[in-house]
Amino acid sequence: YADSVKGRFTMSREYPKNTVYLQMNSLK
């Protein structure tokens, strides 16, 4: 993660759906 989002954003991937996600918390 970029330093600016580290600890707040989480990236994940779901193979069957061929989808990637970005969970963004504590948004600024």
mmCIF file of all heavy atoms, coordinates in Angstrom:
data_MODEL
# 
_entry.id   MODEL 
# 
loop_
_atom_site.group_PDB 
_atom_site.id 
_atom_site.type_symbol 
_atom_site.label_atom_id 
_atom_site.label_alt_id 
_atom_site.label_comp_id 
_atom_site.label_asym_id 
_atom_site.label_entity_id 
_atom_site.label_seq_id 
_atom_site.pdbx_PDB_ins_code 
_atom_site.Cartn_x 
_atom_site.Cartn_y 
_atom_site.Cartn_z 
_atom_site.occupancy 
_atom_site.B_iso_or_equiv 
_atom_site.pdbx_formal_charge 
_atom_site.auth_seq_id 
_atom_site.auth_comp_id 
_atom_site.auth_asym_id 
_atom_site.auth_atom_id 
_atom_site.pdbx_PDB_model_num 
ATOM 1   N N   . TYR A 1 1  ? 0.829   -1.200  0.000   1.00 0.00 ? 1  TYR A N   1 
ATOM 2   C CA  . TYR A 1 1  ? 0.000   0.000   0.000   1.00 0.00 ? 1  TYR A CA  1 
ATOM 3   C C   . TYR A 1 1  ? 0.864   1.251   0.000   1.00 0.00 ? 1  TYR A C   1 
ATOM 4   O O   . TYR A 1 1  ? 1.971   1.275   0.555   1.00 0.00 ? 1  TYR A O   1 
ATOM 5   C CB  . TYR A 1 1  ? -0.901  0.011   1.232   1.00 0.00 ? 1  TYR A CB  1 
ATOM 6   C CG  . TYR A 1 1  ? -1.812  -1.195  1.299   1.00 0.00 ? 1  TYR A CG  1 
ATOM 7   C CD1 . TYR A 1 1  ? -1.450  -2.333  1.999   1.00 0.00 ? 1  TYR A CD1 1 
ATOM 8   C CD2 . TYR A 1 1  ? -3.032  -1.196  0.617   1.00 0.00 ? 1  TYR A CD2 1 
ATOM 9   C CE1 . TYR A 1 1  ? -2.259  -3.454  2.030   1.00 0.00 ? 1  TYR A CE1 1 
ATOM 10  C CE2 . TYR A 1 1  ? -3.854  -2.316  0.645   1.00 0.00 ? 1  TYR A CE2 1 
ATOM 11  C CZ  . TYR A 1 1  ? -3.459  -3.437  1.357   1.00 0.00 ? 1  TYR A CZ  1 
ATOM 12  O OH  . TYR A 1 1  ? -4.269  -4.540  1.371   1.00 0.00 ? 1  TYR A OH  1 
ATOM 13  N N   . ALA A 1 2  ? 0.333   2.297   -0.608  1.00 0.00 ? 2  ALA A N   1 
ATOM 14  C CA  . ALA A 1 2  ? 0.977   3.595   -0.515  1.00 0.00 ? 2  ALA A CA  1 
ATOM 15  C C   . ALA A 1 2  ? 0.947   4.043   0.948   1.00 0.00 ? 2  ALA A C   1 
ATOM 16  O O   . ALA A 1 2  ? 0.019   3.707   1.694   1.00 0.00 ? 2  ALA A O   1 
ATOM 17  C CB  . ALA A 1 2  ? 0.255   4.607   -1.395  1.00 0.00 ? 2  ALA A CB  1 
ATOM 18  N N   . ASP A 1 3  ? 1.955   4.771   1.362   1.00 0.00 ? 3  ASP A N   1 
ATOM 19  C CA  . ASP A 1 3  ? 2.024   5.228   2.752   1.00 0.00 ? 3  ASP A CA  1 
ATOM 20  C C   . ASP A 1 3  ? 0.771   6.002   3.165   1.00 0.00 ? 3  ASP A C   1 
ATOM 21  O O   . ASP A 1 3  ? 0.337   5.920   4.319   1.00 0.00 ? 3  ASP A O   1 
ATOM 22  C CB  . ASP A 1 3  ? 3.261   6.111   2.960   1.00 0.00 ? 3  ASP A CB  1 
ATOM 23  C CG  . ASP A 1 3  ? 4.548   5.305   2.937   1.00 0.00 ? 3  ASP A CG  1 
ATOM 24  O OD1 . ASP A 1 3  ? 4.484   4.064   3.074   1.00 0.00 ? 3  ASP A OD1 1 
ATOM 25  O OD2 . ASP A 1 3  ? 5.620   5.917   2.769   1.00 0.00 ? 3  ASP A OD2 1 
ATOM 26  N N   . SER A 1 4  ? 0.183   6.721   2.225   1.00 0.00 ? 4  SER A N   1 
ATOM 27  C CA  . SER A 1 4  ? -0.964  7.571   2.538   1.00 0.00 ? 4  SER A CA  1 
ATOM 28  C C   . SER A 1 4  ? -2.208  6.766   2.903   1.00 0.00 ? 4  SER A C   1 
ATOM 29  O O   . SER A 1 4  ? -3.127  7.311   3.531   1.00 0.00 ? 4  SER A O   1 
ATOM 30  C CB  . SER A 1 4  ? -1.274  8.484   1.356   1.00 0.00 ? 4  SER A CB  1 
ATOM 31  O OG  . SER A 1 4  ? -1.572  7.733   0.198   1.00 0.00 ? 4  SER A OG  1 
ATOM 32  N N   . VAL A 1 5  ? -2.263  5.482   2.534   1.00 0.00 ? 5  VAL A N   1 
ATOM 33  C CA  . VAL A 1 5  ? -3.458  4.679   2.802   1.00 0.00 ? 5  VAL A CA  1 
ATOM 34  C C   . VAL A 1 5  ? -3.160  3.475   3.685   1.00 0.00 ? 5  VAL A C   1 
ATOM 35  O O   . VAL A 1 5  ? -4.088  2.761   4.082   1.00 0.00 ? 5  VAL A O   1 
ATOM 36  C CB  . VAL A 1 5  ? -4.127  4.209   1.492   1.00 0.00 ? 5  VAL A CB  1 
ATOM 37  C CG1 . VAL A 1 5  ? -4.374  5.385   0.560   1.00 0.00 ? 5  VAL A CG1 1 
ATOM 38  C CG2 . VAL A 1 5  ? -3.320  3.124   0.800   1.00 0.00 ? 5  VAL A CG2 1 
ATOM 39  N N   . LYS A 1 6  ? -1.914  3.249   4.004   1.00 0.00 ? 6  LYS A N   1 
ATOM 40  C CA  . LYS A 1 6  ? -1.521  2.082   4.781   1.00 0.00 ? 6  LYS A CA  1 
ATOM 41  C C   . LYS A 1 6  ? -2.246  2.064   6.122   1.00 0.00 ? 6  LYS A C   1 
ATOM 42  O O   . LYS A 1 6  ? -2.347  3.085   6.807   1.00 0.00 ? 6  LYS A O   1 
ATOM 43  C CB  . LYS A 1 6  ? 0.002   2.099   4.988   1.00 0.00 ? 6  LYS A CB  1 
ATOM 44  C CG  . LYS A 1 6  ? 0.617   0.774   5.337   1.00 0.00 ? 6  LYS A CG  1 
ATOM 45  C CD  . LYS A 1 6  ? 2.128   0.866   5.327   1.00 0.00 ? 6  LYS A CD  1 
ATOM 46  C CE  . LYS A 1 6  ? 2.674   1.143   3.947   1.00 0.00 ? 6  LYS A CE  1 
ATOM 47  N NZ  . LYS A 1 6  ? 4.147   1.198   3.899   1.00 0.00 ? 6  LYS A NZ  1 
ATOM 48  N N   . GLY A 1 7  ? -2.790  0.901   6.461   1.00 0.00 ? 7  GLY A N   1 
ATOM 49  C CA  . GLY A 1 7  ? -3.522  0.760   7.709   1.00 0.00 ? 7  GLY A CA  1 
ATOM 50  C C   . GLY A 1 7  ? -4.990  1.104   7.599   1.00 0.00 ? 7  GLY A C   1 
ATOM 51  O O   . GLY A 1 7  ? -5.758  0.835   8.524   1.00 0.00 ? 7  GLY A O   1 
ATOM 52  N N   . ARG A 1 8  ? -5.391  1.705   6.488   1.00 0.00 ? 8  ARG A N   1 
ATOM 53  C CA  . ARG A 1 8  ? -6.793  2.096   6.300   1.00 0.00 ? 8  ARG A CA  1 
ATOM 54  C C   . ARG A 1 8  ? -7.457  1.365   5.138   1.00 0.00 ? 8  ARG A C   1 
ATOM 55  O O   . ARG A 1 8  ? -8.663  1.132   5.162   1.00 0.00 ? 8  ARG A O   1 
ATOM 56  C CB  . ARG A 1 8  ? -6.891  3.603   6.078   1.00 0.00 ? 8  ARG A CB  1 
ATOM 57  C CG  . ARG A 1 8  ? -6.329  4.443   7.204   1.00 0.00 ? 8  ARG A CG  1 
ATOM 58  C CD  . ARG A 1 8  ? -6.599  5.930   6.984   1.00 0.00 ? 8  ARG A CD  1 
ATOM 59  N NE  . ARG A 1 8  ? -5.922  6.442   5.790   1.00 0.00 ? 8  ARG A NE  1 
ATOM 60  C CZ  . ARG A 1 8  ? -6.558  6.969   4.745   1.00 0.00 ? 8  ARG A CZ  1 
ATOM 61  N NH1 . ARG A 1 8  ? -7.879  7.033   4.737   1.00 0.00 ? 8  ARG A NH1 1 
ATOM 62  N NH2 . ARG A 1 8  ? -5.871  7.428   3.708   1.00 0.00 ? 8  ARG A NH2 1 
ATOM 63  N N   . PHE A 1 9  ? -6.685  1.038   4.116   1.00 0.00 ? 9  PHE A N   1 
ATOM 64  C CA  . PHE A 1 9  ? -7.218  0.381   2.917   1.00 0.00 ? 9  PHE A CA  1 
ATOM 65  C C   . PHE A 1 9  ? -6.764  -1.073  2.900   1.00 0.00 ? 9  PHE A C   1 
ATOM 66  O O   . PHE A 1 9  ? -5.636  -1.389  3.313   1.00 0.00 ? 9  PHE A O   1 
ATOM 67  C CB  . PHE A 1 9  ? -6.712  1.066   1.661   1.00 0.00 ? 9  PHE A CB  1 
ATOM 68  C CG  . PHE A 1 9  ? -7.294  2.424   1.384   1.00 0.00 ? 9  PHE A CG  1 
ATOM 69  C CD1 . PHE A 1 9  ? -8.019  3.117   2.321   1.00 0.00 ? 9  PHE A CD1 1 
ATOM 70  C CD2 . PHE A 1 9  ? -7.105  3.021   0.139   1.00 0.00 ? 9  PHE A CD2 1 
ATOM 71  C CE1 . PHE A 1 9  ? -8.548  4.373   2.052   1.00 0.00 ? 9  PHE A CE1 1 
ATOM 72  C CE2 . PHE A 1 9  ? -7.624  4.269   -0.154  1.00 0.00 ? 9  PHE A CE2 1 
ATOM 73  C CZ  . PHE A 1 9  ? -8.336  4.948   0.816   1.00 0.00 ? 9  PHE A CZ  1 
ATOM 74  N N   . THR A 1 10 ? -7.626  -1.940  2.373   1.00 0.00 ? 10 THR A N   1 
ATOM 75  C CA  . THR A 1 10 ? -7.288  -3.348  2.210   1.00 0.00 ? 10 THR A CA  1 
ATOM 76  C C   . THR A 1 10 ? -7.725  -3.811  0.836   1.00 0.00 ? 10 THR A C   1 
ATOM 77  O O   . THR A 1 10 ? -8.901  -3.681  0.478   1.00 0.00 ? 10 THR A O   1 
ATOM 78  C CB  . THR A 1 10 ? -7.975  -4.212  3.275   1.00 0.00 ? 10 THR A CB  1 
ATOM 79  O OG1 . THR A 1 10 ? -7.608  -3.755  4.574   1.00 0.00 ? 10 THR A OG1 1 
ATOM 80  C CG2 . THR A 1 10 ? -7.562  -5.673  3.118   1.00 0.00 ? 10 THR A CG2 1 
ATOM 81  N N   . MET A 1 11 ? -6.777  -4.369  0.082   1.00 0.00 ? 11 MET A N   1 
ATOM 82  C CA  . MET A 1 11 ? -7.088  -4.886  -1.244  1.00 0.00 ? 11 MET A CA  1 
ATOM 83  C C   . MET A 1 11 ? -7.217  -6.401  -1.176  1.00 0.00 ? 11 MET A C   1 
ATOM 84  O O   . MET A 1 11 ? -6.449  -7.070  -0.479  1.00 0.00 ? 11 MET A O   1 
ATOM 85  C CB  . MET A 1 11 ? -5.998  -4.507  -2.232  1.00 0.00 ? 11 MET A CB  1 
ATOM 86  C CG  . MET A 1 11 ? -6.284  -4.915  -3.655  1.00 0.00 ? 11 MET A CG  1 
ATOM 87  S SD  . MET A 1 11 ? -5.041  -4.282  -4.803  1.00 0.00 ? 11 MET A SD  1 
ATOM 88  C CE  . MET A 1 11 ? -5.692  -4.878  -6.365  1.00 0.00 ? 11 MET A CE  1 
ATOM 89  N N   . SER A 1 12 ? -8.198  -6.938  -1.907  1.00 0.00 ? 12 SER A N   1 
ATOM 90  C CA  . SER A 1 12 ? -8.385  -8.379  -1.953  1.00 0.00 ? 12 SER A CA  1 
ATOM 91  C C   . SER A 1 12 ? -8.830  -8.783  -3.347  1.00 0.00 ? 12 SER A C   1 
ATOM 92  O O   . SER A 1 12 ? -9.121  -7.934  -4.201  1.00 0.00 ? 12 SER A O   1 
ATOM 93  C CB  . SER A 1 12 ? -9.402  -8.831  -0.906  1.00 0.00 ? 12 SER A CB  1 
ATOM 94  O OG  . SER A 1 12 ? -10.659 -8.216  -1.123  1.00 0.00 ? 12 SER A OG  1 
ATOM 95  N N   . ARG A 1 13 ? -8.897  -10.093 -3.544  1.00 0.00 ? 13 ARG A N   1 
ATOM 96  C CA  . ARG A 1 13 ? -9.203  -10.616 -4.882  1.00 0.00 ? 13 ARG A CA  1 
ATOM 97  C C   . ARG A 1 13 ? -10.087 -11.849 -4.732  1.00 0.00 ? 13 ARG A C   1 
ATOM 98  O O   . ARG A 1 13 ? -9.895  -12.654 -3.819  1.00 0.00 ? 13 ARG A O   1 
ATOM 99  C CB  . ARG A 1 13 ? -7.869  -10.979 -5.557  1.00 0.00 ? 13 ARG A CB  1 
ATOM 100 C CG  . ARG A 1 13 ? -7.931  -11.528 -6.934  1.00 0.00 ? 13 ARG A CG  1 
ATOM 101 C CD  . ARG A 1 13 ? -6.530  -11.642 -7.520  1.00 0.00 ? 13 ARG A CD  1 
ATOM 102 N NE  . ARG A 1 13 ? -5.635  -12.371 -6.638  1.00 0.00 ? 13 ARG A NE  1 
ATOM 103 C CZ  . ARG A 1 13 ? -4.296  -12.340 -6.752  1.00 0.00 ? 13 ARG A CZ  1 
ATOM 104 N NH1 . ARG A 1 13 ? -3.737  -11.590 -7.680  1.00 0.00 ? 13 ARG A NH1 1 
ATOM 105 N NH2 . ARG A 1 13 ? -3.545  -13.030 -5.922  1.00 0.00 ? 13 ARG A NH2 1 
ATOM 106 N N   . GLU A 1 14 ? -11.057 -12.007 -5.596  1.00 0.00 ? 14 GLU A N   1 
ATOM 107 C CA  . GLU A 1 14 ? -11.943 -13.155 -5.571  1.00 0.00 ? 14 GLU A CA  1 
ATOM 108 C C   . GLU A 1 14 ? -11.887 -13.827 -6.939  1.00 0.00 ? 14 GLU A C   1 
ATOM 109 O O   . GLU A 1 14 ? -12.402 -13.297 -7.935  1.00 0.00 ? 14 GLU A O   1 
ATOM 110 C CB  . GLU A 1 14 ? -13.376 -12.727 -5.229  1.00 0.00 ? 14 GLU A CB  1 
ATOM 111 C CG  . GLU A 1 14 ? -14.321 -13.892 -5.027  1.00 0.00 ? 14 GLU A CG  1 
ATOM 112 C CD  . GLU A 1 14 ? -15.677 -13.447 -4.483  1.00 0.00 ? 14 GLU A CD  1 
ATOM 113 O OE1 . GLU A 1 14 ? -15.864 -12.239 -4.224  1.00 0.00 ? 14 GLU A OE1 1 
ATOM 114 O OE2 . GLU A 1 14 ? -16.558 -14.312 -4.326  1.00 0.00 ? 14 GLU A OE2 1 
ATOM 115 N N   . TYR A 1 15 ? -11.263 -14.994 -6.977  1.00 0.00 ? 15 TYR A N   1 
ATOM 116 C CA  . TYR A 1 15 ? -11.015 -15.642 -8.271  1.00 0.00 ? 15 TYR A CA  1 
ATOM 117 C C   . TYR A 1 15 ? -12.266 -16.017 -9.051  1.00 0.00 ? 15 TYR A C   1 
ATOM 118 O O   . TYR A 1 15 ? -12.346 -15.733 -10.254 1.00 0.00 ? 15 TYR A O   1 
ATOM 119 C CB  . TYR A 1 15 ? -10.169 -16.898 -8.063  1.00 0.00 ? 15 TYR A CB  1 
ATOM 120 C CG  . TYR A 1 15 ? -8.781  -16.646 -7.524  1.00 0.00 ? 15 TYR A CG  1 
ATOM 121 C CD1 . TYR A 1 15 ? -8.076  -17.648 -6.887  1.00 0.00 ? 15 TYR A CD1 1 
ATOM 122 C CD2 . TYR A 1 15 ? -8.162  -15.410 -7.663  1.00 0.00 ? 15 TYR A CD2 1 
ATOM 123 C CE1 . TYR A 1 15 ? -6.814  -17.427 -6.398  1.00 0.00 ? 15 TYR A CE1 1 
ATOM 124 C CE2 . TYR A 1 15 ? -6.908  -15.179 -7.175  1.00 0.00 ? 15 TYR A CE2 1 
ATOM 125 C CZ  . TYR A 1 15 ? -6.220  -16.205 -6.535  1.00 0.00 ? 15 TYR A CZ  1 
ATOM 126 O OH  . TYR A 1 15 ? -4.979  -15.985 -6.047  1.00 0.00 ? 15 TYR A OH  1 
ATOM 127 N N   . PRO A 1 16 ? -13.246 -16.710 -8.408  1.00 0.00 ? 16 PRO A N   1 
ATOM 128 C CA  . PRO A 1 16 ? -14.385 -17.146 -9.220  1.00 0.00 ? 16 PRO A CA  1 
ATOM 129 C C   . PRO A 1 16 ? -15.104 -15.992 -9.912  1.00 0.00 ? 16 PRO A C   1 
ATOM 130 O O   . PRO A 1 16 ? -15.635 -16.168 -11.001 1.00 0.00 ? 16 PRO A O   1 
ATOM 131 C CB  . PRO A 1 16 ? -15.280 -17.851 -8.205  1.00 0.00 ? 16 PRO A CB  1 
ATOM 132 C CG  . PRO A 1 16 ? -14.358 -18.285 -7.130  1.00 0.00 ? 16 PRO A CG  1 
ATOM 133 C CD  . PRO A 1 16 ? -13.353 -17.180 -7.028  1.00 0.00 ? 16 PRO A CD  1 
ATOM 134 N N   . LYS A 1 17 ? -15.111 -14.837 -9.249  1.00 0.00 ? 17 LYS A N   1 
ATOM 135 C CA  . LYS A 1 17 ? -15.807 -13.688 -9.828  1.00 0.00 ? 17 LYS A CA  1 
ATOM 136 C C   . LYS A 1 17 ? -14.872 -12.813 -10.658 1.00 0.00 ? 17 LYS A C   1 
ATOM 137 O O   . LYS A 1 17 ? -15.319 -11.814 -11.221 1.00 0.00 ? 17 LYS A O   1 
ATOM 138 C CB  . LYS A 1 17 ? -16.451 -12.850 -8.723  1.00 0.00 ? 17 LYS A CB  1 
ATOM 139 C CG  . LYS A 1 17 ? -17.560 -13.566 -7.968  1.00 0.00 ? 17 LYS A CG  1 
ATOM 140 C CD  . LYS A 1 17 ? -18.228 -12.642 -6.965  1.00 0.00 ? 17 LYS A CD  1 
ATOM 141 C CE  . LYS A 1 17 ? -19.367 -13.342 -6.251  1.00 0.00 ? 17 LYS A CE  1 
ATOM 142 N NZ  . LYS A 1 17 ? -20.042 -12.464 -5.274  1.00 0.00 ? 17 LYS A NZ  1 
ATOM 143 N N   . ASN A 1 18 ? -13.572 -13.191 -10.704 1.00 0.00 ? 18 ASN A N   1 
ATOM 144 C CA  . ASN A 1 18 ? -12.572 -12.397 -11.433 1.00 0.00 ? 18 ASN A CA  1 
ATOM 145 C C   . ASN A 1 18 ? -12.658 -10.916 -11.038 1.00 0.00 ? 18 ASN A C   1 
ATOM 146 O O   . ASN A 1 18 ? -12.664 -10.015 -11.894 1.00 0.00 ? 18 ASN A O   1 
ATOM 147 C CB  . ASN A 1 18 ? -12.745 -12.547 -12.956 1.00 0.00 ? 18 ASN A CB  1 
ATOM 148 C CG  . ASN A 1 18 ? -11.412 -12.542 -13.679 1.00 0.00 ? 18 ASN A CG  1 
ATOM 149 O OD1 . ASN A 1 18 ? -10.429 -13.110 -13.208 1.00 0.00 ? 18 ASN A OD1 1 
ATOM 150 N ND2 . ASN A 1 18 ? -11.361 -11.916 -14.837 1.00 0.00 ? 18 ASN A ND2 1 
ATOM 151 N N   . THR A 1 19 ? -12.719 -10.699 -9.761  1.00 0.00 ? 19 THR A N   1 
ATOM 152 C CA  . THR A 1 19 ? -12.967 -9.370  -9.203  1.00 0.00 ? 19 THR A CA  1 
ATOM 153 C C   . THR A 1 19 ? -11.914 -9.024  -8.162  1.00 0.00 ? 19 THR A C   1 
ATOM 154 O O   . THR A 1 19 ? -11.482 -9.902  -7.408  1.00 0.00 ? 19 THR A O   1 
ATOM 155 C CB  . THR A 1 19 ? -14.367 -9.339  -8.561  1.00 0.00 ? 19 THR A CB  1 
ATOM 156 O OG1 . THR A 1 19 ? -15.348 -9.625  -9.560  1.00 0.00 ? 19 THR A OG1 1 
ATOM 157 C CG2 . THR A 1 19 ? -14.665 -7.981  -7.947  1.00 0.00 ? 19 THR A CG2 1 
ATOM 158 N N   . VAL A 1 20 ? -11.529 -7.776  -8.148  1.00 0.00 ? 20 VAL A N   1 
ATOM 159 C CA  . VAL A 1 20 ? -10.684 -7.265  -7.073  1.00 0.00 ? 20 VAL A CA  1 
ATOM 160 C C   . VAL A 1 20 ? -11.466 -6.201  -6.307  1.00 0.00 ? 20 VAL A C   1 
ATOM 161 O O   . VAL A 1 20 ? -12.348 -5.542  -6.865  1.00 0.00 ? 20 VAL A O   1 
ATOM 162 C CB  . VAL A 1 20 ? -9.351  -6.679  -7.587  1.00 0.00 ? 20 VAL A CB  1 
ATOM 163 C CG1 . VAL A 1 20 ? -8.486  -7.786  -8.193  1.00 0.00 ? 20 VAL A CG1 1 
ATOM 164 C CG2 . VAL A 1 20 ? -9.564  -5.564  -8.587  1.00 0.00 ? 20 VAL A CG2 1 
ATOM 165 N N   . TYR A 1 21 ? -11.141 -6.073  -5.029  1.00 0.00 ? 21 TYR A N   1 
ATOM 166 C CA  . TYR A 1 21 ? -11.855 -5.164  -4.145  1.00 0.00 ? 21 TYR A CA  1 
ATOM 167 C C   . TYR A 1 21 ? -10.870 -4.220  -3.458  1.00 0.00 ? 21 TYR A C   1 
ATOM 168 O O   . TYR A 1 21 ? -9.689  -4.522  -3.315  1.00 0.00 ? 21 TYR A O   1 
ATOM 169 C CB  . TYR A 1 21 ? -12.596 -5.951  -3.067  1.00 0.00 ? 21 TYR A CB  1 
ATOM 170 C CG  . TYR A 1 21 ? -13.580 -6.952  -3.599  1.00 0.00 ? 21 TYR A CG  1 
ATOM 171 C CD1 . TYR A 1 21 ? -13.238 -8.298  -3.731  1.00 0.00 ? 21 TYR A CD1 1 
ATOM 172 C CD2 . TYR A 1 21 ? -14.866 -6.567  -3.973  1.00 0.00 ? 21 TYR A CD2 1 
ATOM 173 C CE1 . TYR A 1 21 ? -14.133 -9.228  -4.223  1.00 0.00 ? 21 TYR A CE1 1 
ATOM 174 C CE2 . TYR A 1 21 ? -15.774 -7.495  -4.465  1.00 0.00 ? 21 TYR A CE2 1 
ATOM 175 C CZ  . TYR A 1 21 ? -15.402 -8.818  -4.581  1.00 0.00 ? 21 TYR A CZ  1 
ATOM 176 O OH  . TYR A 1 21 ? -16.297 -9.731  -5.088  1.00 0.00 ? 21 TYR A OH  1 
ATOM 177 N N   . LEU A 1 22 ? -11.394 -3.092  -3.014  1.00 0.00 ? 22 LEU A N   1 
ATOM 178 C CA  . LEU A 1 22 ? -10.625 -2.187  -2.178  1.00 0.00 ? 22 LEU A CA  1 
ATOM 179 C C   . LEU A 1 22 ? -11.543 -1.728  -1.043  1.00 0.00 ? 22 LEU A C   1 
ATOM 180 O O   . LEU A 1 22 ? -12.483 -0.966  -1.283  1.00 0.00 ? 22 LEU A O   1 
ATOM 181 C CB  . LEU A 1 22 ? -10.111 -0.988  -2.972  1.00 0.00 ? 22 LEU A CB  1 
ATOM 182 C CG  . LEU A 1 22 ? -9.164  -0.075  -2.190  1.00 0.00 ? 22 LEU A CG  1 
ATOM 183 C CD1 . LEU A 1 22 ? -7.857  -0.812  -1.876  1.00 0.00 ? 22 LEU A CD1 1 
ATOM 184 C CD2 . LEU A 1 22 ? -8.866  1.213   -2.981  1.00 0.00 ? 22 LEU A CD2 1 
ATOM 185 N N   . GLN A 1 23 ? -11.283 -2.240  0.150   1.00 0.00 ? 23 GLN A N   1 
ATOM 186 C CA  . GLN A 1 23 ? -12.009 -1.803  1.328   1.00 0.00 ? 23 GLN A CA  1 
ATOM 187 C C   . GLN A 1 23 ? -11.307 -0.569  1.872   1.00 0.00 ? 23 GLN A C   1 
ATOM 188 O O   . GLN A 1 23 ? -10.119 -0.619  2.197   1.00 0.00 ? 23 GLN A O   1 
ATOM 189 C CB  . GLN A 1 23 ? -12.034 -2.915  2.379   1.00 0.00 ? 23 GLN A CB  1 
ATOM 190 C CG  . GLN A 1 23 ? -12.719 -2.522  3.670   1.00 0.00 ? 23 GLN A CG  1 
ATOM 191 C CD  . GLN A 1 23 ? -14.201 -2.291  3.495   1.00 0.00 ? 23 GLN A CD  1 
ATOM 192 O OE1 . GLN A 1 23 ? -14.891 -3.056  2.836   1.00 0.00 ? 23 GLN A OE1 1 
ATOM 193 N NE2 . GLN A 1 23 ? -14.715 -1.202  4.088   1.00 0.00 ? 23 GLN A NE2 1 
ATOM 194 N N   . MET A 1 24 ? -12.041 0.516   1.965   1.00 0.00 ? 24 MET A N   1 
ATOM 195 C CA  . MET A 1 24 ? -11.472 1.790   2.401   1.00 0.00 ? 24 MET A CA  1 
ATOM 196 C C   . MET A 1 24 ? -12.146 2.221   3.694   1.00 0.00 ? 24 MET A C   1 
ATOM 197 O O   . MET A 1 24 ? -13.358 2.470   3.707   1.00 0.00 ? 24 MET A O   1 
ATOM 198 C CB  . MET A 1 24 ? -11.651 2.850   1.313   1.00 0.00 ? 24 MET A CB  1 
ATOM 199 C CG  . MET A 1 24 ? -11.118 2.423   -0.045  1.00 0.00 ? 24 MET A CG  1 
ATOM 200 S SD  . MET A 1 24 ? -11.104 3.763   -1.247  1.00 0.00 ? 24 MET A SD  1 
ATOM 201 C CE  . MET A 1 24 ? -12.846 4.084   -1.383  1.00 0.00 ? 24 MET A CE  1 
ATOM 202 N N   . ASN A 1 25 ? -11.386 2.289   4.752   1.00 0.00 ? 25 ASN A N   1 
ATOM 203 C CA  . ASN A 1 25 ? -11.892 2.706   6.053   1.00 0.00 ? 25 ASN A CA  1 
ATOM 204 C C   . ASN A 1 25 ? -11.225 3.994   6.497   1.00 0.00 ? 25 ASN A C   1 
ATOM 205 O O   . ASN A 1 25 ? -10.188 4.392   5.959   1.00 0.00 ? 25 ASN A O   1 
ATOM 206 C CB  . ASN A 1 25 ? -11.629 1.611   7.099   1.00 0.00 ? 25 ASN A CB  1 
ATOM 207 C CG  . ASN A 1 25 ? -12.318 0.303   6.774   1.00 0.00 ? 25 ASN A CG  1 
ATOM 208 O OD1 . ASN A 1 25 ? -13.397 0.280   6.191   1.00 0.00 ? 25 ASN A OD1 1 
ATOM 209 N ND2 . ASN A 1 25 ? -11.695 -0.805  7.147   1.00 0.00 ? 25 ASN A ND2 1 
ATOM 210 N N   . SER A 1 26 ? -11.824 4.632   7.480   1.00 0.00 ? 26 SER A N   1 
ATOM 211 C CA  . SER A 1 26 ? -11.277 5.882   8.042   1.00 0.00 ? 26 SER A CA  1 
ATOM 212 C C   . SER A 1 26 ? -10.921 6.860   6.929   1.00 0.00 ? 26 SER A C   1 
ATOM 213 O O   . SER A 1 26 ? -9.824  7.429   6.896   1.00 0.00 ? 26 SER A O   1 
ATOM 214 C CB  . SER A 1 26 ? -10.039 5.572   8.890   1.00 0.00 ? 26 SER A CB  1 
ATOM 215 O OG  . SER A 1 26 ? -10.353 4.685   9.932   1.00 0.00 ? 26 SER A OG  1 
ATOM 216 N N   . LEU A 1 27 ? -11.851 7.040   6.025   1.00 0.00 ? 27 LEU A N   1 
ATOM 217 C CA  . LEU A 1 27 ? -11.596 7.873   4.854   1.00 0.00 ? 27 LEU A CA  1 
ATOM 218 C C   . LEU A 1 27 ? -11.328 9.319   5.238   1.00 0.00 ? 27 LEU A C   1 
ATOM 219 O O   . LEU A 1 27 ? -11.905 9.853   6.205   1.00 0.00 ? 27 LEU A O   1 
ATOM 220 C CB  . LEU A 1 27 ? -12.764 7.786   3.881   1.00 0.00 ? 27 LEU A CB  1 
ATOM 221 C CG  . LEU A 1 27 ? -12.773 6.496   3.046   1.00 0.00 ? 27 LEU A CG  1 
ATOM 222 C CD1 . LEU A 1 27 ? -14.152 6.250   2.453   1.00 0.00 ? 27 LEU A CD1 1 
ATOM 223 C CD2 . LEU A 1 27 ? -11.730 6.563   1.953   1.00 0.00 ? 27 LEU A CD2 1 
ATOM 224 N N   . LYS A 1 28 ? -10.460 9.945   4.461   1.00 0.00 ? 28 LYS A N   1 
ATOM 225 C CA  . LYS A 1 28 ? -10.068 11.332  4.669   1.00 0.00 ? 28 LYS A CA  1 
ATOM 226 C C   . LYS A 1 28 ? -10.383 12.139  3.415   1.00 0.00 ? 28 LYS A C   1 
ATOM 227 O O   . LYS A 1 28 ? -10.435 11.563  2.310   1.00 0.00 ? 28 LYS A O   1 
ATOM 228 C CB  . LYS A 1 28 ? -8.570  11.421  4.946   1.00 0.00 ? 28 LYS A CB  1 
ATOM 229 C CG  . LYS A 1 28 ? -8.088  10.590  6.131   1.00 0.00 ? 28 LYS A CG  1 
ATOM 230 C CD  . LYS A 1 28 ? -6.588  10.668  6.251   1.00 0.00 ? 28 LYS A CD  1 
ATOM 231 C CE  . LYS A 1 28 ? -6.079  9.838   7.427   1.00 0.00 ? 28 LYS A CE  1 
ATOM 232 N NZ  . LYS A 1 28 ? -4.597  9.914   7.554   1.00 0.00 ? 28 LYS A NZ  1 
# 
